[in-house]
Every structure is written in structure tokens, then in C-alpha cells.
């Protein structure tokens, strides 16, 4: 078969595995992306994701050919997922509920996509002949958005995500590296124009320049990757976002008319319980209950301590004193990061009626707390209440 017939067969085969787009590029990274990665790493914008700056991984990102001996082509694919069923305003105003990024409403995409990519790669042996192949889904040192752009799958938006004219940005990327020599597709053109809606809406202003996201400020990084006490100045800006953030996608004009899968055909099997879940019920999860509820979910990545830390912040930002009793139940949790953020949240929810009770609680806790970070949270909360009410 000729090149066009071969490409058509690859794409139709990919579609049977749930991939809405399938394009081909060469295993080369454009200089603009190499320069951008160098700047990002040199500026320390990777936060505590130290693997992003490791020399070996850095070089592999710069040189995709190092990912597979003899690689000739990269097949870039995307799998759509269901956008949030609510607006940005509705998510922010959801009383007593937490916002979870849409891709995490169902099963872990790493597991779903990798299984399907491997099956697709095996079937392509019948189309292309036997070749060496490797599949990747997000976790390997691959600049997937750069490859998608060079393959013509979509362009990289100012929020750094890939955008497709019909699909918007509600999809996930995967790659098949192969030693088969395939005709590359034409690269994508950028259609963001002068629009900067994503930059303007970002709660923490993490999109510090077009196409540059400072992970240290990004709510997705803070709630998922960052394992520790979240900086005080960023906590109020997180609102009720407890796992990831979709704000930049929700305001993108290309998503206003995006063609998305209906929930019943979404291969990630989104579950209603993860769409604006009740904060109080999440805070009551013990270790076993956490593992059971999020058994197939990417939310497992935060572990219980990370998710409940985020829930505490959302409660503190809610202004709802009804959460005070829930938070008091975890100020003695085994995890220091949960105790500390619960104490911060209680300070935020202090008022003229409960301020004396709060002060008594904090002084009692400081008498037996051993963790320095938690002691700092207690001290800061006491100062906060004193400053707020001139309380002595």
C-alpha cells in the first residue's frame, strides 16, 4: 500500500481503540521547545519535581531518538474525556463541595491508555510489519505536547496544553515510538491569536508568560505533585479546588464548541461521586476507605494525606463555620500535614462567637505537638485570630 493508504489504516485502527486523533512526526524536538525547557528548568519552575532537572531525563526530553534504538517515527494520539458538567462559576460557588479536575472523575488514564496503546501497537505489527515499538503515557521523559504539535495533532496553547480545532483541549496524549519509517504529517499552526483568557483566569497567576507555567504556583501541581505544607499566600487562592484545576480550559474559547464524548462512551468511566464531592465526607475517610473509594482513580497519587490536606484548605476558604467540628476531628490525625492544614482552616473560620474556643484549642494542641511545621501553623493561627479580633 502507498503512504496515504498506510496512514489511513493506522488511523482507523487507532480509532477502534478509542483514539480520536492519530498523527505522525519524526523523533525530533524543535529548537523553540528545547529553549523553553532550558529556561523553565534553569528558573526552577519545576518546584520539587526534581526528576525534571535530572541530567539524564533532561537530555532524553531534548533528544527523543534516545527513547528507542533505531526509532524512525513517533505516532501521537489523543483520547478525549468528558469536560466538567458544570461551569467555572458553578464550581467556585459550590457550597461545601470540592472541585476535581475532569480527567480524574473516573479511572486513571495512565492505566486505561497504556493498555490500549500496547494493544494498538501490537495490531500495527500486522499493518507495518514487525518493528520495535515503545508506548508512553505521560510518565516518561517525553515532550508530548511538542511532539503533538509537530505531528499536526494540535497546537500548544498559552496554558501549555494541546488544543485541537474540533476537540478543544479536553483530551489526553499518548505516543507510540516505532522503528517503522512513516511519512510525517504537517505540523499544526497556532490559533490562539491575541487571546489570553487562560492567563487572566488563573487564580494564582501560574501562567507567568505565554506558554510558560510556573509549577510552583500552579494549583494542579500544588494539589497533586507537591507533598508538603502549601505556602500560606497560595492557600486562599486555591478556593475549593482539591485535585487539579480546570479554570484555564473552562475559559478557553476553543472549548466552548468542542466536540466531546458523551459520558457513556468516555473510556475513563467518569463517576458522579467525583464531580463536586462533599468535603465533609472526604475528610472522614480513613486510610482503608480512601484506598477503597479511589482504587482505580488517579487521585490515589496524592495519598490520603495529600487529598485531606487539600480538603482542609477548601474548608478554610469556604467561610462555612459548619466545618469547624469536622476540622476539629482531624487536628489529632496521625499525618502532620493534615493536622497543620486543619489548624490553618480553623483559624480562617474563626469568628466572634468561636474565637475563645479556638484559642483554647490551639494552646492545648501546642502543649503536646511535636512536629515543627504544625507548631508553626498553631502559632500563625493564634496570631491571625489575635490580629483579626484584637483578642488577648
Protein backbone atom coordinates (compact mmCIF):
# COMPACT_ATOMS: atom_id res chain seq x y z
CA UNK A 1 0.00 0.00 0.00
CA UNK A 2 1.14 3.58 -0.54
CA UNK A 3 1.85 6.07 2.25
CA UNK A 4 -1.65 7.59 2.31
CA UNK A 5 -3.33 4.18 2.46
CA UNK A 6 -0.97 3.10 5.20
CA UNK A 7 -1.71 6.26 7.20
CA UNK A 8 -5.45 5.81 6.74
CA UNK A 9 -5.27 2.24 8.02
CA UNK A 10 -3.23 3.30 11.06
CA UNK A 11 -5.77 6.00 11.93
CA UNK A 12 -8.82 3.80 11.51
CA UNK A 13 -7.16 1.12 13.64
CA UNK A 14 -6.32 3.70 16.30
CA UNK A 15 -9.95 4.86 16.32
CA UNK A 16 -11.11 1.36 17.25
CA UNK A 17 -9.07 1.68 20.45
CA UNK A 18 -10.66 5.00 21.40
CA UNK A 19 -8.11 7.43 20.00
CA UNK A 20 -9.89 10.35 18.36
CA UNK A 21 -6.80 11.70 16.62
CA UNK A 22 -3.69 9.96 15.30
CA UNK A 23 -0.83 11.81 13.64
CA UNK A 24 2.81 11.05 12.81
CA UNK A 25 6.00 13.02 13.31
CA UNK A 26 9.72 12.45 13.43
CA UNK A 27 11.58 11.88 16.73
CA UNK A 28 12.99 15.41 16.80
CA UNK A 29 12.33 18.29 19.18
CA UNK A 30 12.06 21.77 17.68
CA UNK A 31 14.55 24.33 18.97
CA UNK A 32 11.83 26.57 20.40
CA UNK A 33 10.79 23.76 22.74
CA UNK A 34 14.40 22.98 23.67
CA UNK A 35 14.95 26.62 24.58
CA UNK A 36 11.69 26.74 26.53
CA UNK A 37 12.55 23.65 28.54
CA UNK A 38 16.02 25.01 29.33
CA UNK A 39 14.57 28.30 30.56
CA UNK A 40 11.90 26.55 32.63
CA UNK A 41 14.38 24.25 34.34
CA UNK A 42 17.01 26.99 34.86
CA UNK A 43 14.37 29.14 36.55
CA UNK A 44 13.47 26.31 38.94
CA UNK A 45 9.85 26.33 37.82
CA UNK A 46 9.61 22.57 38.31
CA UNK A 47 9.23 23.00 42.09
CA UNK A 48 10.01 19.78 43.93
CA UNK A 49 9.66 17.64 40.80
CA UNK A 50 13.41 17.10 40.84
CA UNK A 51 13.26 14.45 38.13
CA UNK A 52 12.51 17.22 35.62
CA UNK A 53 16.01 18.61 36.14
CA UNK A 54 17.92 15.31 36.25
CA UNK A 55 20.56 15.47 33.54
CA UNK A 56 19.73 12.08 32.03
CA UNK A 57 16.00 12.75 31.81
CA UNK A 58 16.62 16.30 30.59
CA UNK A 59 18.73 15.01 27.73
CA UNK A 60 16.17 12.37 26.80
CA UNK A 61 13.47 15.02 26.56
CA UNK A 62 15.74 17.03 24.30
CA UNK A 63 16.55 14.01 22.15
CA UNK A 64 13.50 11.76 21.56
CA UNK A 65 15.64 9.38 19.49
CA UNK A 66 17.22 8.23 22.77
CA UNK A 67 13.90 6.69 23.83
CA UNK A 68 14.16 3.75 21.42
CA UNK A 69 17.12 2.41 19.46
CA UNK A 70 16.57 2.92 15.77
CA UNK A 71 13.36 4.92 16.18
CA UNK A 72 12.18 6.44 12.90
CA UNK A 73 8.70 7.73 13.70
CA UNK A 74 6.50 8.87 16.56
CA UNK A 75 2.75 8.27 16.40
CA UNK A 76 1.00 10.90 18.51
CA UNK A 77 -2.52 10.02 19.67
CA UNK A 78 -5.19 11.59 21.83
CA UNK A 79 -8.03 10.16 23.89
CA UNK A 80 -10.90 12.55 24.71
CA UNK A 81 -12.51 12.73 28.12
CA UNK A 82 -15.71 14.31 29.35
CA UNK A 83 -15.49 18.01 30.32
CA UNK A 84 -16.98 19.16 33.62
CA UNK A 85 -20.77 19.11 33.66
CA UNK A 86 -20.72 22.48 35.41
CA UNK A 87 -19.48 25.99 34.66
CA UNK A 88 -16.48 27.66 36.27
CA UNK A 89 -18.77 29.90 38.33
CA UNK A 90 -20.83 26.91 39.47
CA UNK A 91 -17.70 25.07 40.57
CA UNK A 92 -16.37 28.03 42.55
CA UNK A 93 -19.76 28.66 44.18
CA UNK A 94 -20.43 25.03 45.11
CA UNK A 95 -21.18 25.30 48.81
CA UNK A 96 -19.47 22.60 50.84
CA UNK A 97 -18.13 20.83 47.75
CA UNK A 98 -14.70 20.35 46.25
CA UNK A 99 -13.66 20.75 42.61
CA UNK A 100 -11.74 17.88 40.99
CA UNK A 101 -10.19 18.16 37.54
CA UNK A 102 -12.38 16.47 34.93
CA UNK A 103 -9.87 13.84 33.82
CA UNK A 104 -9.89 12.48 37.38
CA UNK A 105 -13.66 11.97 37.58
CA UNK A 106 -13.17 8.35 36.55
CA UNK A 107 -10.43 5.76 36.09
CA UNK A 108 -6.72 6.52 35.98
CA UNK A 109 -5.90 7.47 32.40
CA UNK A 110 -2.38 6.06 32.72
CA UNK A 111 -3.80 2.56 33.13
CA UNK A 112 -6.56 2.92 30.55
CA UNK A 113 -4.44 4.50 27.83
CA UNK A 114 -1.33 2.39 28.27
CA UNK A 115 -3.30 -0.82 27.95
CA UNK A 116 -4.93 0.43 24.75
CA UNK A 117 -1.69 1.79 23.32
CA UNK A 118 0.02 -1.55 23.82
CA UNK A 119 -2.85 -3.36 22.10
CA UNK A 120 -2.79 -0.87 19.23
CA UNK A 121 0.98 -1.21 18.86
CA UNK A 122 0.64 -5.00 18.67
CA UNK A 123 -2.03 -4.72 15.99
CA UNK A 124 0.06 -2.27 13.98
CA UNK A 125 2.63 -5.03 13.53
CA UNK A 126 0.16 -6.54 11.07
CA UNK A 127 -0.08 -3.22 9.24
CA UNK A 128 3.54 -2.08 9.29
CA UNK A 129 5.33 -5.38 9.63
CA UNK A 130 7.25 -6.36 12.74
CA UNK A 131 9.08 -3.38 14.22
CA UNK A 132 10.44 -2.37 17.61
CA UNK A 133 7.98 -0.16 19.46
CA UNK A 134 7.57 1.59 22.81
CA UNK A 135 4.46 3.26 24.16
CA UNK A 136 4.37 6.24 26.52
CA UNK A 137 1.64 7.90 28.57
CA UNK A 138 2.79 10.99 30.44
CA UNK A 139 5.24 9.36 32.88
CA UNK A 140 8.31 9.07 30.60
CA UNK A 141 10.72 11.92 29.74
CA UNK A 142 8.87 12.82 26.54
CA UNK A 143 7.79 16.33 25.49
CA UNK A 144 4.38 15.07 24.41
CA UNK A 145 2.85 18.46 23.63
CA UNK A 146 5.80 19.42 21.43
CA UNK A 147 5.54 16.13 19.55
CA UNK A 148 1.77 16.54 19.16
CA UNK A 149 2.28 20.00 17.64
CA UNK A 150 4.94 18.79 15.20
CA UNK A 151 2.68 15.88 14.24
CA UNK A 152 -0.21 18.21 13.46
CA UNK A 153 -2.46 16.82 16.18
CA UNK A 154 -2.93 20.27 17.69
CA UNK A 155 -1.07 23.36 18.81
CA UNK A 156 0.25 24.14 22.26
CA UNK A 157 -1.91 26.82 23.85
CA UNK A 158 -0.72 29.60 26.11
CA UNK A 159 -1.72 27.46 29.09
CA UNK A 160 0.79 24.85 27.74
CA UNK A 161 -1.90 22.25 26.89
CA UNK A 162 -2.54 20.97 23.37
CA UNK A 163 -5.60 22.39 21.57
CA UNK A 164 -7.39 20.83 18.61
CA UNK A 165 -9.79 22.84 16.46
CA UNK A 166 -12.69 20.38 16.96
CA UNK A 167 -11.82 18.70 20.26
CA UNK A 168 -10.61 21.75 22.14
CA UNK A 169 -8.23 20.63 24.89
CA UNK A 170 -10.35 18.01 26.65
CA UNK A 171 -8.12 15.07 25.79
CA UNK A 172 -5.01 13.21 26.94
CA UNK A 173 -1.93 12.43 24.89
CA UNK A 174 -0.03 9.21 24.30
CA UNK A 175 2.75 8.15 21.94
CA UNK A 176 4.00 5.10 20.09
CA UNK A 177 7.69 5.26 19.21
CA UNK A 178 8.43 2.89 16.35
CA UNK A 179 11.32 1.86 14.14
CA UNK A 180 8.90 1.87 11.20
CA UNK A 181 9.56 4.69 8.77
CA UNK A 182 6.28 6.56 8.28
CA UNK A 183 5.50 9.69 6.33
CA UNK A 184 5.23 12.57 8.83
CA UNK A 185 2.17 14.81 8.90
CA UNK A 186 2.36 18.58 8.56
CA UNK A 187 2.84 20.44 11.86
CA UNK A 188 0.00 22.40 13.43
CA UNK A 189 -0.43 26.14 13.19
CA UNK A 190 -1.09 28.14 16.34
CA UNK A 191 -4.60 29.57 16.56
CA UNK A 192 -4.51 31.28 19.97
CA UNK A 193 -4.01 34.69 18.37
CA UNK A 194 -4.15 37.55 20.83
CA UNK A 195 -6.39 35.66 23.27
CA UNK A 196 -5.03 35.44 26.81
CA UNK A 197 -8.16 34.28 28.66
CA UNK A 198 -6.32 31.35 30.25
CA UNK A 199 -3.62 33.64 31.63
CA UNK A 200 -6.13 36.07 33.06
CA UNK A 201 -8.32 33.48 34.79
CA UNK A 202 -5.54 31.52 36.53
CA UNK A 203 -6.20 32.00 40.28
CA UNK A 204 -2.52 32.00 41.22
CA UNK A 205 -1.19 33.62 38.02
CA UNK A 206 0.86 30.50 37.38
CA UNK A 207 0.93 31.16 33.62
CA UNK A 208 3.76 33.65 34.01
CA UNK A 209 4.14 34.19 30.26
CA UNK A 210 2.51 32.75 27.14
CA UNK A 211 3.27 29.00 27.05
CA UNK A 212 5.14 29.16 30.39
CA UNK A 213 3.57 27.67 33.53
CA UNK A 214 5.44 28.05 36.82
CA UNK A 215 4.61 24.78 38.57
CA UNK A 216 5.37 26.32 41.96
CA UNK A 217 2.26 28.47 41.57
CA UNK A 218 0.04 26.02 39.67
CA UNK A 219 -2.91 24.59 41.62
CA UNK A 220 -2.63 21.30 39.73
CA UNK A 221 0.96 20.95 40.93
CA UNK A 222 0.17 22.09 44.46
CA UNK A 223 -2.76 19.72 44.93
CA UNK A 224 -1.29 16.68 43.16
CA UNK A 225 2.50 16.70 42.94
CA UNK A 226 3.51 18.83 45.93
CA UNK A 227 3.91 16.76 49.08
CA UNK A 228 4.11 19.12 52.00
CA UNK A 229 2.76 22.28 53.60
CA UNK A 230 1.34 24.54 50.90
CA UNK A 231 2.64 28.14 51.06
CA UNK A 232 0.36 30.36 53.12
CA UNK A 233 -0.09 33.01 50.45
CA UNK A 234 -1.35 30.47 47.92
CA UNK A 235 -3.92 28.71 50.11
CA UNK A 236 -6.68 31.36 49.85
CA UNK A 237 -6.24 31.42 46.06
CA UNK A 238 -6.97 27.69 45.77
CA UNK A 239 -10.64 28.14 46.64
CA UNK A 240 -12.37 24.76 46.68
CA UNK A 241 -10.01 23.02 44.21
CA UNK A 242 -8.91 19.80 45.87
CA UNK A 243 -7.38 17.87 42.96
CA UNK A 244 -6.13 19.72 39.93
CA UNK A 245 -7.64 22.76 38.27
CA UNK A 246 -9.60 23.22 35.02
CA UNK A 247 -10.02 27.00 35.08
CA UNK A 248 -7.76 27.70 32.09
CA UNK A 249 -9.61 25.12 30.00
CA UNK A 250 -13.07 26.22 31.09
CA UNK A 251 -12.49 29.75 29.75
CA UNK A 252 -10.71 28.75 26.53
CA UNK A 253 -12.84 29.81 23.51
CA UNK A 254 -11.83 26.66 21.64
CA UNK A 255 -13.56 24.60 24.33
CA UNK A 256 -16.83 26.50 24.01
CA UNK A 257 -17.71 24.47 20.91
CA UNK A 258 -15.51 21.41 21.43
CA UNK A 259 -16.85 18.05 20.31
CA UNK A 260 -16.61 15.82 23.38
CA UNK A 261 -17.61 12.24 24.09
CA UNK A 262 -20.84 11.59 25.92
CA UNK A 263 -20.16 10.26 29.40
CA UNK A 264 -21.38 6.79 28.48
CA UNK A 265 -18.65 6.43 25.82
CA UNK A 266 -15.86 8.00 27.88
CA UNK A 267 -13.22 5.28 28.30
CA UNK A 268 -12.27 6.74 31.69
CA UNK A 269 -15.75 5.87 33.02
CA UNK A 270 -16.42 9.11 34.95
CA UNK A 271 -18.28 8.68 38.22
CA UNK A 272 -20.70 11.18 39.65
CA UNK A 273 -19.24 10.88 43.14
CA UNK A 274 -16.11 12.71 41.96
CA UNK A 275 -17.97 15.66 40.47
CA UNK A 276 -18.03 18.34 43.18
CA UNK A 277 -17.87 15.80 46.05
CA UNK A 278 -18.96 16.65 49.58
CA UNK A 279 -15.96 17.97 51.53
CA UNK A 280 -17.07 16.69 54.92
CA UNK A 281 -17.44 13.11 53.70
CA UNK A 282 -13.94 13.21 52.20
CA UNK A 283 -12.43 14.48 55.43
CA UNK A 284 -13.88 11.49 57.25
CA UNK A 285 -12.04 8.96 55.04
CA UNK A 286 -9.59 6.75 56.90
CA UNK A 287 -6.75 5.01 55.07
CA UNK A 288 -8.78 1.96 54.13
CA UNK A 289 -11.78 3.99 52.99
CA UNK A 290 -9.54 6.23 50.91
CA UNK A 291 -7.97 3.27 49.11
CA UNK A 292 -11.37 1.70 48.53
CA UNK A 293 -13.01 4.84 47.13
CA UNK A 294 -10.12 5.79 44.83
CA UNK A 295 -8.96 2.28 43.91
CA UNK A 296 -8.89 2.93 40.14
CA UNK A 297 -8.62 6.70 40.31
CA UNK A 298 -5.60 8.93 39.61
CA UNK A 299 -6.45 10.59 42.92
CA UNK A 300 -4.53 7.74 44.55
CA UNK A 301 -1.43 9.73 43.61
CA UNK A 302 -1.96 12.29 46.39
CA UNK A 303 -2.37 9.58 49.02
CA UNK A 304 -4.87 10.21 51.78
CA UNK A 305 -2.71 12.84 53.43
CA UNK A 306 -2.49 14.95 50.28
CA UNK A 307 -6.19 14.86 49.48
CA UNK A 308 -7.28 15.62 53.04
CA UNK A 309 -4.75 18.44 53.23
CA UNK A 310 -6.43 19.94 50.16
CA UNK A 311 -9.88 19.36 51.65
CA UNK A 312 -8.85 21.26 54.78
CA UNK A 313 -7.79 24.23 52.66
CA UNK A 314 -11.08 24.17 50.76
CA UNK A 315 -12.96 24.14 54.06
CA UNK A 316 -10.90 27.05 55.34
CA UNK A 317 -11.70 29.01 52.18
CA UNK A 318 -15.42 28.22 52.33
CA UNK A 319 -16.36 30.66 55.07
CA UNK A 320 -18.69 28.00 56.46
CA UNK A 321 -18.37 27.58 60.21
CA UNK A 322 -20.35 24.35 59.89
CA UNK A 323 -16.99 22.76 59.01
CA UNK A 324 -15.44 23.63 62.38
CA UNK A 325 -16.47 20.37 64.04
CA UNK A 326 -15.26 18.33 61.05
CA UNK A 327 -11.88 20.03 61.19
CA UNK A 328 -11.58 19.55 64.94
CA UNK A 329 -11.93 15.83 64.34
CA UNK A 330 -8.64 15.75 62.40
CA UNK A 331 -6.41 18.10 64.42
CA UNK A 332 -5.05 14.95 66.06
CA UNK A 333 -4.67 12.96 62.83
CA UNK A 334 -1.54 10.82 62.50
CA UNK A 335 -0.44 12.84 59.47
CA UNK A 336 1.23 16.13 60.37
CA UNK A 337 0.28 17.76 57.06
CA UNK A 338 -3.41 17.09 57.77
CA UNK A 339 -3.17 18.39 61.35
CA UNK A 340 -1.40 21.53 60.22
CA UNK A 341 -3.79 22.46 57.45
CA UNK A 342 -6.81 21.68 59.64
CA UNK A 343 -5.45 24.15 62.20
CA UNK A 344 -4.98 26.77 59.49
CA UNK A 345 -8.52 26.20 58.27
CA UNK A 346 -9.93 26.55 61.78
CA UNK A 347 -8.16 29.87 62.11
CA UNK A 348 -9.72 31.02 58.85
CA UNK A 349 -13.18 30.03 60.11
CA UNK A 350 -12.81 31.77 63.45
CA UNK A 351 -15.41 34.39 64.32
CA UNK A 352 -16.54 36.45 67.26
CA UNK A 353 -18.54 33.52 68.65
CA UNK A 354 -15.92 30.77 68.47
CA UNK A 355 -12.68 32.72 68.86
CA UNK A 356 -12.23 31.86 72.56
CA UNK A 357 -12.80 28.16 71.86
CA UNK A 358 -10.26 28.30 69.02
CA UNK A 359 -7.62 29.95 71.17
CA UNK A 360 -8.09 27.38 73.92
CA UNK A 361 -7.82 24.55 71.40
CA UNK A 362 -4.65 25.92 69.80
CA UNK A 363 -2.94 26.44 73.16
CA UNK A 364 -3.84 22.91 74.21
CA UNK A 365 -2.53 21.47 70.95
CA UNK A 366 0.73 23.40 71.20
CA UNK A 367 1.38 21.76 74.56
CA UNK A 368 1.81 18.27 73.11
CA UNK A 369 2.53 18.80 69.39
CA UNK A 370 6.00 17.56 68.35
CA UNK A 371 6.07 18.49 64.65
CA UNK A 372 7.72 21.86 64.00
CA UNK A 373 5.62 22.60 60.92
CA UNK A 374 2.40 22.00 62.83
CA UNK A 375 3.64 24.12 65.73
CA UNK A 376 4.25 26.91 63.22
CA UNK A 377 0.68 26.58 61.95
CA UNK A 378 -0.62 26.82 65.53
CA UNK A 379 1.44 29.92 66.21
CA UNK A 380 0.36 31.61 62.99
CA UNK A 381 -3.31 30.80 63.61
CA UNK A 382 -3.11 32.28 67.10
CA UNK A 383 -1.56 35.44 65.67
CA UNK A 384 -4.21 35.53 62.95
CA UNK A 385 -7.07 35.40 65.45
CA UNK A 386 -5.44 37.99 67.71
CA UNK A 387 -4.94 40.32 64.77
CA UNK A 388 -8.46 39.77 63.48
CA UNK A 389 -10.24 40.37 66.77
CA UNK A 390 -7.66 42.17 68.87
CA UNK A 391 -8.04 39.20 71.19
CA UNK A 392 -5.77 38.75 74.21
